[in-house]
PDB file of N, CA and C in Angstrom:
ATOM      1  N   MET A   1     135.358-164.901 -94.164  1.00  0.00           N
ATOM      2  CA  MET A   1     134.168-163.672 -92.889  1.00  0.00           C
ATOM      3  C   MET A   1     134.340-162.832 -93.619  1.00  0.00           C
ATOM      4  N   VAL A   2     133.256-161.708 -92.512  1.00  0.00           N
ATOM      5  CA  VAL A   2     133.466-160.637 -92.836  1.00  0.00           C
ATOM      6  C   VAL A   2     133.659-159.911 -91.851  1.00  0.00           C
ATOM      7  N   LYS A   3     134.378-159.055 -92.103  1.00  0.00           N
ATOM      8  CA  LYS A   3     135.167-157.828 -91.493  1.00  0.00           C
ATOM      9  C   LYS A   3     134.242-156.897 -90.536  1.00  0.00           C
ATOM     10  N   ILE A   4     133.008-156.006 -90.708  1.00  0.00           N
ATOM     11  CA  ILE A   4     132.231-155.107 -90.794  1.00  0.00           C
ATOM     12  C   ILE A   4     132.780-154.790 -89.443  1.00  0.00           C
ATOM     13  N   LYS A   5     133.462-155.145 -88.512  1.00  0.00           N
ATOM     14  CA  LYS A   5     133.312-153.783 -87.570  1.00  0.00           C
ATOM     15  C   LYS A   5     135.214-153.439 -87.687  1.00  0.00           C
ATOM     16  N   GLU A   6     135.943-154.297 -87.835  1.00  0.00           N
ATOM     17  CA  GLU A   6     137.820-154.353 -89.025  1.00  0.00           C
ATOM     18  C   GLU A   6     137.044-153.159 -89.655  1.00  0.00           C
ATOM     19  N   TRP A   7     136.285-153.313 -91.252  1.00  0.00           N
ATOM     20  CA  TRP A   7     136.245-151.946 -92.034  1.00  0.00           C
ATOM     21  C   TRP A   7     135.647-150.579 -91.437  1.00  0.00           C
ATOM     22  N   ARG A   8     134.889-150.824 -90.743  1.00  0.00           N
ATOM     23  CA  ARG A   8     134.059-149.636 -90.325  1.00  0.00           C
ATOM     24  C   ARG A   8     134.889-148.821 -89.151  1.00  0.00           C
ATOM     25  N   GLN A   9     135.815-149.167 -88.303  1.00  0.00           N
ATOM     26  CA  GLN A   9     136.748-148.556 -87.410  1.00  0.00           C
ATOM     27  C   GLN A   9     138.147-148.729 -88.281  1.00  0.00           C
ATOM     28  N   GLY A  10     138.439-148.825 -89.375  1.00  0.00           N
ATOM     29  CA  GLY A  10     139.463-148.866 -89.943  1.00  0.00           C
ATOM     30  C   GLY A  10     138.839-147.350 -91.230  1.00  0.00           C
ATOM     31  N   LEU A  11     138.013-147.092 -90.924  1.00  0.00           N
ATOM     32  CA  LEU A  11     137.063-145.694 -92.093  1.00  0.00           C
ATOM     33  C   LEU A  11     137.313-144.745 -91.233  1.00  0.00           C
ATOM     34  N   GLY A  12     137.454-145.393 -89.423  1.00  0.00           N
ATOM     35  CA  GLY A  12     137.210-144.214 -88.003  1.00  0.00           C
ATOM     36  C   GLY A  12     135.495-143.453 -88.159  1.00  0.00           C
ATOM     37  N   ILE A  13     134.475-144.862 -88.694  1.00  0.00           N
ATOM     38  CA  ILE A  13     133.598-144.111 -88.646  1.00  0.00           C
ATOM     39  C   ILE A  13     132.567-144.996 -87.665  1.00  0.00           C
ATOM     40  N   THR A  14     131.923-144.650 -87.099  1.00  0.00           N
ATOM     41  CA  THR A  14     130.926-144.842 -85.708  1.00  0.00           C
ATOM     42  C   THR A  14     129.706-145.748 -85.563  1.00  0.00           C
ATOM     43  N   GLN A  15     129.964-147.219 -85.155  1.00  0.00           N
ATOM     44  CA  GLN A  15     128.544-147.572 -85.249  1.00  0.00           C
ATOM     45  C   GLN A  15     127.037-146.743 -85.815  1.00  0.00           C
ATOM     46  N   LYS A  16     127.238-145.453 -85.182  1.00  0.00           N
ATOM     47  CA  LYS A  16     126.228-144.800 -85.532  1.00  0.00           C
ATOM     48  C   LYS A  16     126.133-143.896 -86.929  1.00  0.00           C
ATOM     49  N   ALA A  17     127.026-143.609 -87.205  1.00  0.00           N
ATOM     50  CA  ALA A  17     127.086-142.797 -88.351  1.00  0.00           C
ATOM     51  C   ALA A  17     127.270-144.214 -90.150  1.00  0.00           C
ATOM     52  N   LEU A  18     127.669-145.646 -89.425  1.00  0.00           N
ATOM     53  CA  LEU A  18     127.195-147.240 -90.294  1.00  0.00           C
ATOM     54  C   LEU A  18     125.901-146.879 -89.192  1.00  0.00           C
ATOM     55  N   ALA A  19     125.240-147.265 -89.250  1.00  0.00           N
ATOM     56  CA  ALA A  19     123.388-147.048 -88.704  1.00  0.00           C
ATOM     57  C   ALA A  19     122.663-146.027 -89.379  1.00  0.00           C
ATOM     58  N   ASP A  20     123.504-145.145 -89.429  1.00  0.00           N
ATOM     59  CA  ASP A  20     121.989-143.966 -90.167  1.00  0.00           C
ATOM     60  C   ASP A  20     122.609-143.608 -91.513  1.00  0.00           C
ATOM     61  N   ALA A  21     123.273-144.278 -92.071  1.00  0.00           N
ATOM     62  CA  ALA A  21     124.221-144.085 -93.635  1.00  0.00           C
ATOM     63  C   ALA A  21     122.996-145.355 -93.941  1.00  0.00           C
ATOM     64  N   ALA A  22     122.999-146.551 -93.719  1.00  0.00           N
ATOM     65  CA  ALA A  22     122.656-147.940 -94.154  1.00  0.00           C
ATOM     66  C   ALA A  22     121.117-147.505 -93.849  1.00  0.00           C
ATOM     67  N   GLY A  23     120.584-146.854 -93.288  1.00  0.00           N
ATOM     68  CA  GLY A  23     119.118-147.398 -92.935  1.00  0.00           C
ATOM     69  C   GLY A  23     118.902-148.125 -91.298  1.00  0.00           C
ATOM     70  N   LEU A  24     120.054-148.408 -90.779  1.00  0.00           N
ATOM     71  CA  LEU A  24     119.810-150.170 -90.578  1.00  0.00           C
ATOM     72  C   LEU A  24     119.687-149.495 -88.715  1.00  0.00           C
ATOM     73  N   ASP A  25     119.193-150.216 -87.734  1.00  0.00           N
ATOM     74  CA  ASP A  25     118.952-149.581 -86.543  1.00  0.00           C
ATOM     75  C   ASP A  25     120.953-149.460 -86.240  1.00  0.00           C
ATOM     76  N   LEU A  26     120.998-148.910 -85.001  1.00  0.00           N
ATOM     77  CA  LEU A  26     122.404-148.987 -83.462  1.00  0.00           C
ATOM     78  C   LEU A  26     122.081-150.232 -83.533  1.00  0.00           C
ATOM     79  N   ARG A  27     121.060-150.551 -82.845  1.00  0.00           N
ATOM     80  CA  ARG A  27     121.175-151.609 -82.065  1.00  0.00           C
ATOM     81  C   ARG A  27     121.755-152.647 -82.737  1.00  0.00           C
ATOM     82  N   TRP A  28     120.873-153.023 -84.343  1.00  0.00           N
ATOM     83  CA  TRP A  28     121.580-153.812 -84.956  1.00  0.00           C
ATOM     84  C   TRP A  28     122.624-154.472 -85.229  1.00  0.00           C
ATOM     85  N   VAL A  29     122.981-153.220 -85.584  1.00  0.00           N
ATOM     86  CA  VAL A  29     124.798-152.989 -86.205  1.00  0.00           C
ATOM     87  C   VAL A  29     125.344-153.253 -84.956  1.00  0.00           C
ATOM     88  N   GLN A  30     125.165-153.073 -84.117  1.00  0.00           N
ATOM     89  CA  GLN A  30     125.793-153.299 -82.291  1.00  0.00           C
ATOM     90  C   GLN A  30     126.268-154.671 -82.090  1.00  0.00           C
ATOM     91  N   LYS A  31     124.493-155.414 -82.047  1.00  0.00           N
ATOM     92  CA  LYS A  31     124.310-156.762 -81.975  1.00  0.00           C
ATOM     93  C   LYS A  31     125.527-157.712 -82.802  1.00  0.00           C
ATOM     94  N   LEU A  32     125.549-157.092 -84.505  1.00  0.00           N
ATOM     95  CA  LEU A  32     126.186-157.739 -85.567  1.00  0.00           C
ATOM     96  C   LEU A  32     127.648-157.720 -84.920  1.00  0.00           C
ATOM     97  N   GLU A  33     128.051-156.647 -85.116  1.00  0.00           N
ATOM     98  CA  GLU A  33     129.646-156.610 -84.315  1.00  0.00           C
ATOM     99  C   GLU A  33     130.144-157.142 -83.639  1.00  0.00           C
ATOM    100  N   ALA A  34     128.877-157.340 -82.356  1.00  0.00           N
ATOM    101  CA  ALA A  34     129.142-158.067 -81.578  1.00  0.00           C
ATOM    102  C   ALA A  34     129.130-160.196 -81.694  1.00  0.00           C
ATOM    103  N   GLY A  35     128.413-160.092 -82.158  1.00  0.00           N
ATOM    104  CA  GLY A  35     128.198-162.168 -83.243  1.00  0.00           C
ATOM    105  C   GLY A  35     127.496-162.631 -82.432  1.00  0.00           C
ATOM    106  N   ASP A  36     126.745-161.340 -81.600  1.00  0.00           N
ATOM    107  CA  ASP A  36     125.321-161.950 -81.427  1.00  0.00           C
ATOM    108  C   ASP A  36     124.380-161.767 -82.702  1.00  0.00           C
ATOM    109  N   ILE A  37     124.544-160.929 -83.382  1.00  0.00           N
ATOM    110  CA  ILE A  37     123.912-162.207 -85.026  1.00  0.00           C
ATOM    111  C   ILE A  37     125.214-162.658 -86.382  1.00  0.00           C
ATOM    112  N   ASP A  38     124.419-163.554 -86.756  1.00  0.00           N
ATOM    113  CA  ASP A  38     125.473-164.486 -87.601  1.00  0.00           C
ATOM    114  C   ASP A  38     125.630-164.178 -88.792  1.00  0.00           C
ATOM    115  N   ILE A  39     126.510-163.160 -89.070  1.00  0.00           N
ATOM    116  CA  ILE A  39     126.286-162.509 -90.574  1.00  0.00           C
ATOM    117  C   ILE A  39     125.973-163.892 -91.697  1.00  0.00           C
ATOM    118  N   GLN A  40     125.473-164.815 -91.450  1.00  0.00           N
ATOM    119  CA  GLN A  40     125.516-166.093 -92.537  1.00  0.00           C
ATOM    120  C   GLN A  40     123.534-165.817 -91.884  1.00  0.00           C
ATOM    121  N   ASN A  41     123.155-165.461 -91.334  1.00  0.00           N
ATOM    122  CA  ASN A  41     121.701-165.073 -90.934  1.00  0.00           C
ATOM    123  C   ASN A  41     121.376-164.368 -91.597  1.00  0.00           C
ATOM    124  N   VAL A  42     121.565-163.565 -92.496  1.00  0.00           N
ATOM    125  CA  VAL A  42     121.490-161.701 -92.697  1.00  0.00           C
ATOM    126  C   VAL A  42     120.421-161.472 -93.744  1.00  0.00           C
ATOM    127  N   THR A  43     119.768-160.963 -93.720  1.00  0.00           N
ATOM    128  CA  THR A  43     119.116-161.897 -95.554  1.00  0.00           C
ATOM    129  C   THR A  43     119.966-160.855 -96.203  1.00  0.00           C
ATOM    130  N   VAL A  44     119.301-161.246 -96.962  1.00  0.00           N
ATOM    131  CA  VAL A  44     120.020-160.307 -98.678  1.00  0.00           C
ATOM    132  C   VAL A  44     120.007-158.798 -98.271  1.00  0.00           C
ATOM    133  N   LYS A  45     118.711-158.020 -98.157  1.00  0.00           N
ATOM    134  CA  LYS A  45     117.923-157.039 -98.216  1.00  0.00           C
ATOM    135  C   LYS A  45     119.655-155.858 -96.882  1.00  0.00           C
ATOM    136  N   ARG A  46     119.967-156.647 -95.944  1.00  0.00           N
ATOM    137  CA  ARG A  46     119.941-156.149 -94.152  1.00  0.00           C
ATOM    138  C   ARG A  46     121.806-156.198 -95.032  1.00  0.00           C
ATOM    139  N   PHE A  47     121.735-157.114 -95.998  1.00  0.00           N
ATOM    140  CA  PHE A  47     123.479-156.841 -95.946  1.00  0.00           C
ATOM    141  C   PHE A  47     123.742-155.409 -97.427  1.00  0.00           C
ATOM    142  N   SER A  48     122.885-155.733 -98.099  1.00  0.00           N
ATOM    143  CA  SER A  48     122.812-154.608 -98.991  1.00  0.00           C
ATOM    144  C   SER A  48     122.643-153.047 -98.512  1.00  0.00           C
ATOM    145  N   LEU A  49     121.997-152.684 -97.814  1.00  0.00           N
ATOM    146  CA  LEU A  49     121.684-151.457 -97.307  1.00  0.00           C
ATOM    147  C   LEU A  49     123.342-151.718 -95.928  1.00  0.00           C
ATOM    148  N   LEU A  50     123.781-152.537 -95.845  1.00  0.00           N
ATOM    149  CA  LEU A  50     124.788-152.906 -94.577  1.00  0.00           C
ATOM    150  C   LEU A  50     126.452-152.244 -95.613  1.00  0.00           C
ATOM    151  N   MET A  51     126.441-152.932 -97.216  1.00  0.00           N
ATOM    152  CA  MET A  51     127.462-152.669 -97.546  1.00  0.00           C
ATOM    153  C   MET A  51     126.836-151.215 -99.185  1.00  0.00           C
ATOM    154  N   LYS A  52     126.006-150.694 -98.469  1.00  0.00           N
ATOM    155  CA  LYS A  52     125.444-149.690 -98.409  1.00  0.00           C
ATOM    156  C   LYS A  52     125.995-147.930 -97.929  1.00  0.00           C
ATOM    157  N   GLY A  53     126.386-148.298 -96.787  1.00  0.00           N
ATOM    158  CA  GLY A  53     126.345-147.705 -95.943  1.00  0.00           C
ATOM    159  C   GLY A  53     128.169-147.840 -95.900  1.00  0.00           C
ATOM    160  N   ILE A  54     128.751-149.263 -95.548  1.00  0.00           N
ATOM    161  CA  ILE A  54     130.052-149.108 -95.982  1.00  0.00           C
ATOM    162  C   ILE A  54     130.649-148.097 -96.882  1.00  0.00           C
ATOM    163  N   SER A  55     130.224-148.810 -98.136  1.00  0.00           N
ATOM    164  CA  SER A  55     130.189-147.914 -99.504  1.00  0.00           C
ATOM    165  C   SER A  55     130.124-147.070 -99.788  1.00  0.00           C
ATOM    166  N   GLU A  56     129.364-145.789 -98.909  1.00  0.00           N
ATOM    167  CA  GLU A  56     128.508-144.228 -99.342  1.00  0.00           C
ATOM    168  C   GLU A  56     129.855-143.659 -98.234  1.00  0.00           C
ATOM    169  N   LEU A  57     130.202-144.792 -96.369  1.00  0.00           N
ATOM    170  CA  LEU A  57     131.131-143.608 -95.833  1.00  0.00           C
ATOM    171  C   LEU A  57     132.940-143.285 -96.736  1.00  0.00           C
ATOM    172  N   SER A  58     133.088-144.686 -96.854  1.00  0.00           N
ATOM    173  CA  SER A  58     134.450-145.127 -97.307  1.00  0.00           C
ATOM    174  C   SER A  58     134.955-143.701 -98.536  1.00  0.00           C
ATOM    175  N   GLN A  59     133.521-143.329 -98.725  1.00  0.00           N
ATOM    176  CA  GLN A  59     133.601-142.428-100.220  1.00  0.00           C
ATOM    177  C   GLN A  59     134.442-141.023 -99.569  1.00  0.00           C
ATOM    178  N   GLN A  60     133.181-140.508 -98.627  1.00  0.00           N
ATOM    179  CA  GLN A  60     134.024-140.066 -97.604  1.00  0.00           C
ATOM    180  C   GLN A  60     134.950-139.569 -97.190  1.00  0.00           C
ATOM    181  N   VAL A  61     135.314-140.292 -96.566  1.00  0.00           N
ATOM    182  CA  VAL A  61     137.057-140.812 -95.200  1.00  0.00           C
ATOM    183  C   VAL A  61     137.802-141.217 -96.114  1.00  0.00           C
ATOM    184  N   SER A  62     139.429-140.957 -95.645  1.00  0.00           N
ATOM    185  CA  SER A  62     140.168-141.364 -96.395  1.00  0.00           C
ATOM    186  C   SER A  62     140.916-142.822 -96.365  1.00  0.00           C
ATOM    187  N   CYS A  63     140.673-143.398 -96.771  1.00  0.00           N
ATOM    188  CA  CYS A  63     140.620-145.318 -96.908  1.00  0.00           C
ATOM    189  C   CYS A  63     142.549-145.796 -96.794  1.00  0.00           C
ATOM    190  N   PRO A  64     142.155-146.136 -95.774  1.00  0.00           N
ATOM    191  CA  PRO A  64     144.019-146.328 -95.534  1.00  0.00           C
ATOM    192  C   PRO A  64     143.978-147.573 -96.401  1.00  0.00           C
ATOM    193  N   CYS A  65     145.209-147.870 -97.769  1.00  0.00           N
ATOM    194  CA  CYS A  65     146.347-147.800 -98.360  1.00  0.00           C
ATOM    195  C   CYS A  65     145.437-149.725 -97.938  1.00  0.00           C
ATOM    196  N   SER A  66     145.766-150.013 -96.409  1.00  0.00           N
ATOM    197  CA  SER A  66     144.971-151.434 -96.388  1.00  0.00           C
ATOM    198  C   SER A  66     144.283-152.247 -96.694  1.00  0.00           C
ATOM    199  N   MET A  67     143.038-151.193 -96.524  1.00  0.00           N
ATOM    200  CA  MET A  67     142.361-151.028 -96.927  1.00  0.00           C
ATOM    201  C   MET A  67     141.172-151.148 -98.441  1.00  0.00           C
ATOM    202  N   LYS A  68     142.480-150.651 -98.794  1.00  0.00           N
ATOM    203  CA  LYS A  68     141.848-150.077-100.309  1.00  0.00           C
ATOM    204  C   LYS A  68     140.518-151.607-100.791  1.00  0.00           C
ATOM    205  N   SER A  69     140.946-152.651-100.754  1.00  0.00           N
ATOM    206  CA  SER A  69     140.871-153.977-101.722  1.00  0.00           C
ATOM    207  C   SER A  69     139.200-154.533-101.198  1.00  0.00           C
ATOM    208  N   ASP A  70     139.604-154.117-100.111  1.00  0.00           N
ATOM    209  CA  ASP A  70     138.459-154.691 -99.154  1.00  0.00           C
ATOM    210  C   ASP A  70     137.780-153.700 -99.611  1.00  0.00           C
ATOM    211  N   ILE A  71     137.213-152.437 -99.186  1.00  0.00           N
ATOM    212  CA  ILE A  71     136.766-151.182 -99.712  1.00  0.00           C
ATOM    213  C   ILE A  71     136.212-150.991-101.525  1.00  0.00           C
ATOM    214  N   GLU A  72     136.946-151.975-101.987  1.00  0.00           N
ATOM    215  CA  GLU A  72     136.724-152.563-103.722  1.00  0.00           C
ATOM    216  C   GLU A  72     135.745-153.378-103.567  1.00  0.00           C
ATOM    217  N   THR A  73     135.633-154.874-102.812  1.00  0.00           N
ATOM    218  CA  THR A  73     134.745-155.623-102.970  1.00  0.00           C
ATOM    219  C   THR A  73     133.998-155.180-102.860  1.00  0.00           C
ATOM    220  N   VAL A  74     133.346-154.189-101.251  1.00  0.00           N
ATOM    221  CA  VAL A  74     132.486-153.935-101.124  1.00  0.00           C
ATOM    222  C   VAL A  74     131.536-153.509-102.164  1.00  0.00           C
ATOM    223  N   ASN A  75     132.783-152.645-102.362  1.00  0.00           N
ATOM    224  CA  ASN A  75     131.920-151.311-103.878  1.00  0.00           C
ATOM    225  C   ASN A  75     131.067-152.371-104.630  1.00  0.00           C
ATOM    226  N   GLU A  76     132.244-153.101-105.758  1.00  0.00           N
ATOM    227  CA  GLU A  76     130.957-154.167-106.155  1.00  0.00           C
ATOM    228  C   GLU A  76     130.077-155.180-105.070  1.00  0.00           C
ATOM    229  N   ILE A  77     130.262-155.543-104.593  1.00  0.00           N
ATOM    230  CA  ILE A  77     128.355-155.721-103.599  1.00  0.00           C
ATOM    231  C   ILE A  77     127.687-155.767-103.859  1.00  0.00           C
ATOM    232  N   HIS A  78     127.861-154.225-103.631  1.00  0.00           N
ATOM    233  CA  HIS A  78     126.994-153.227-102.806  1.00  0.00           C
ATOM    234  C   HIS A  78     125.731-153.391-104.756  1.00  0.00           C
ATOM    235  N   GLU A  79     126.897-152.479-104.997  1.00  0.00           N
ATOM    236  CA  GLU A  79     126.270-152.663-106.569  1.00  0.00           C
ATOM    237  C   GLU A  79     125.700-153.696-107.326  1.00  0.00           C
ATOM    238  N   MET A  80     126.354-155.460-107.384  1.00  0.00           N
ATOM    239  CA  MET A  80     125.733-156.428-107.290  1.00  0.00           C
ATOM    240  C   MET A  80     124.362-156.256-106.770  1.00  0.00           C
ATOM    241  N   VAL A  81     124.285-156.301-105.017  1.00  0.00           N
ATOM    242  CA  VAL A  81     123.174-156.477-104.643  1.00  0.00           C
ATOM    243  C   VAL A  81     122.282-155.591-105.780  1.00  0.00           C
ATOM    244  N   ASP A  82     122.612-154.402-105.146  1.00  0.00           N
ATOM    245  CA  ASP A  82     121.336-153.344-106.356  1.00  0.00           C
ATOM    246  C   ASP A  82     120.754-153.238-107.216  1.00  0.00           C
ATOM    247  N   ARG A  83     121.699-154.253-107.636  1.00  0.00           N
ATOM    248  CA  ARG A  83     120.986-154.810-109.467  1.00  0.00           C
ATOM    249  C   ARG A  83     120.276-155.409-109.911  1.00  0.00           C
ATOM    250  N   LEU A  84     120.722-156.403-108.569  1.00  0.00           N
ATOM    251  CA  LEU A  84     119.064-157.544-108.591  1.00  0.00           C
ATOM    252  C   LEU A  84     117.879-157.073-107.628  1.00  0.00           C
ATOM    253  N   PHE A  85     118.465-156.613-106.558  1.00  0.00           N
ATOM    254  CA  PHE A  85     117.546-155.254-106.306  1.00  0.00           C
ATOM    255  C   PHE A  85     116.013-154.863-107.897  1.00  0.00           C
ATOM    256  N   LYS A  86     116.544-154.373-108.353  1.00  0.00           N
ATOM    257  CA  LYS A  86     115.880-153.472-109.322  1.00  0.00           C
ATOM    258  C   LYS A  86     115.501-154.222-110.185  1.00  0.00           C
ATOM    259  N   GLU A  87     116.480-155.183-110.732  1.00  0.00           N
ATOM    260  CA  GLU A  87     116.214-156.465-111.865  1.00  0.00           C
ATOM    261  C   GLU A  87     114.814-157.018-111.883  1.00  0.00           C
ATOM    262  N   ASP A  88     114.809-157.521-109.769  1.00  0.00           N
ATOM    263  CA  ASP A  88     113.939-158.360-109.517  1.00  0.00           C
ATOM    264  C   ASP A  88     112.612-157.503-109.615  1.00  0.00           C
ATOM    265  N   SER A  89     112.542-156.082-108.815  1.00  0.00           N
ATOM    266  CA  SER A  89     111.666-155.306-109.215  1.00  0.00           C
ATOM    267  C   SER A  89     110.848-154.335-110.486  1.00  0.00           C
ATOM    268  N   ALA A  90     111.635-155.068-111.706  1.00  0.00           N
ATOM    269  CA  ALA A  90     110.969-154.150-112.990  1.00  0.00           C
ATOM    270  C   ALA A  90     110.139-155.216-113.735  1.00  0.00           C
TER     271      ALA A  90
END
């Protein structure tokens, strides 16, 4: 299970900051965290943007030790999906 809300709160960032960094609508992020949107139904593009936002913000704040492996996973996911989109558009 993807724990977007836990990751965001663990980093001490707001939903608005995440939405802005990811280029996503604030209301969409709120619905996702509230469970109104099932993460399994999120498009790969939106998921990639979400991972990008978390990845970028995690580099700007002090990450708690307990989250380091989760954030490394987020960074890896973002890089893989980003490469897929670049290869697909080439």
